[in-house]
């Protein structure tokens, strides 16, 4: 499957551990925890993809709040 994606220029969006970016990610849930950094993606619920620099599918993620 990944080779097929690569053949057509489809790239996965890195999400886990990244800072939430509404241009790449869709926040499905928010977890309040003072021990976690603000707006950090702590769980990737569904993988997102980019093709030719445009969003094919947003990553669905869980984001931390303090």
Protein backbone atom coordinates (compact mmCIF):
# COMPACT_ATOMS: atom_id res chain seq x y z
CA UNK A 1 0.00 0.00 0.00
CA UNK A 2 2.78 2.44 0.92
CA UNK A 3 4.55 1.81 -2.39
CA UNK A 4 1.32 2.61 -4.23
CA UNK A 5 1.00 5.85 -2.27
CA UNK A 6 4.62 6.74 -3.04
CA UNK A 7 4.07 6.04 -6.73
CA UNK A 8 1.34 8.69 -6.81
CA UNK A 9 3.17 11.20 -4.60
CA UNK A 10 0.97 10.66 -1.53
CA UNK A 11 2.84 11.31 1.73
CA UNK A 12 1.65 10.66 5.30
CA UNK A 13 1.37 13.61 7.70
CA UNK A 14 3.54 13.24 10.80
CA UNK A 15 1.33 13.94 13.80
CA UNK A 16 2.24 12.10 17.00
CA UNK A 17 4.33 14.31 19.29
CA UNK A 18 3.99 17.33 16.99
CA UNK A 19 2.37 20.67 17.82
CA UNK A 20 -1.25 20.82 16.65
CA UNK A 21 -1.61 22.64 13.32
CA UNK A 22 -5.19 23.21 12.11
CA UNK A 23 -3.87 23.30 8.54
CA UNK A 24 -2.84 19.63 8.86
CA UNK A 25 -4.78 18.18 11.78
CA UNK A 26 -8.36 17.86 12.98
CA UNK A 27 -8.72 17.73 16.78
CA UNK A 28 -11.14 14.94 17.66
CA UNK A 29 -10.56 15.15 21.41
CA UNK A 30 -8.74 17.27 24.00
CA UNK A 31 -7.05 15.93 27.13
CA UNK A 32 -6.36 18.29 30.03
CA UNK A 33 -3.10 17.39 31.77
CA UNK A 34 -0.76 19.95 33.39
CA UNK A 35 2.19 17.57 32.87
CA UNK A 36 1.89 17.69 29.07
CA UNK A 37 3.01 20.52 26.80
CA UNK A 38 0.17 22.70 25.47
CA UNK A 39 -1.22 21.78 22.01
CA UNK A 40 0.91 18.63 21.66
CA UNK A 41 -0.63 15.75 19.73
CA UNK A 42 -0.73 12.83 22.14
CA UNK A 43 -2.65 10.34 20.00
CA UNK A 44 -3.23 9.89 16.29
CA UNK A 45 -6.70 8.48 15.73
CA UNK A 46 -6.57 8.44 11.92
CA UNK A 47 -3.60 9.03 9.61
CA UNK A 48 -3.64 12.09 7.35
CA UNK A 49 -2.12 12.43 3.87
CA UNK A 50 -0.73 15.10 1.54
CA UNK A 51 -0.50 14.91 -2.25
CA UNK A 52 1.42 17.49 -4.27
CA UNK A 53 1.56 19.82 -1.26
CA UNK A 54 -2.23 19.75 -0.76
CA UNK A 55 -4.21 18.02 1.97
CA UNK A 56 -5.77 14.79 0.78
CA UNK A 57 -7.01 13.84 4.26
CA UNK A 58 -6.50 15.63 7.60
CA UNK A 59 -4.96 13.70 10.49
CA UNK A 60 -7.54 13.10 13.23
CA UNK A 61 -5.81 13.63 16.56
CA UNK A 62 -6.10 13.98 20.32
CA UNK A 63 -4.50 17.20 21.65
CA UNK A 64 -3.23 18.15 25.13
CA UNK A 65 -4.30 21.25 27.03
CA UNK A 66 -3.13 22.54 30.42
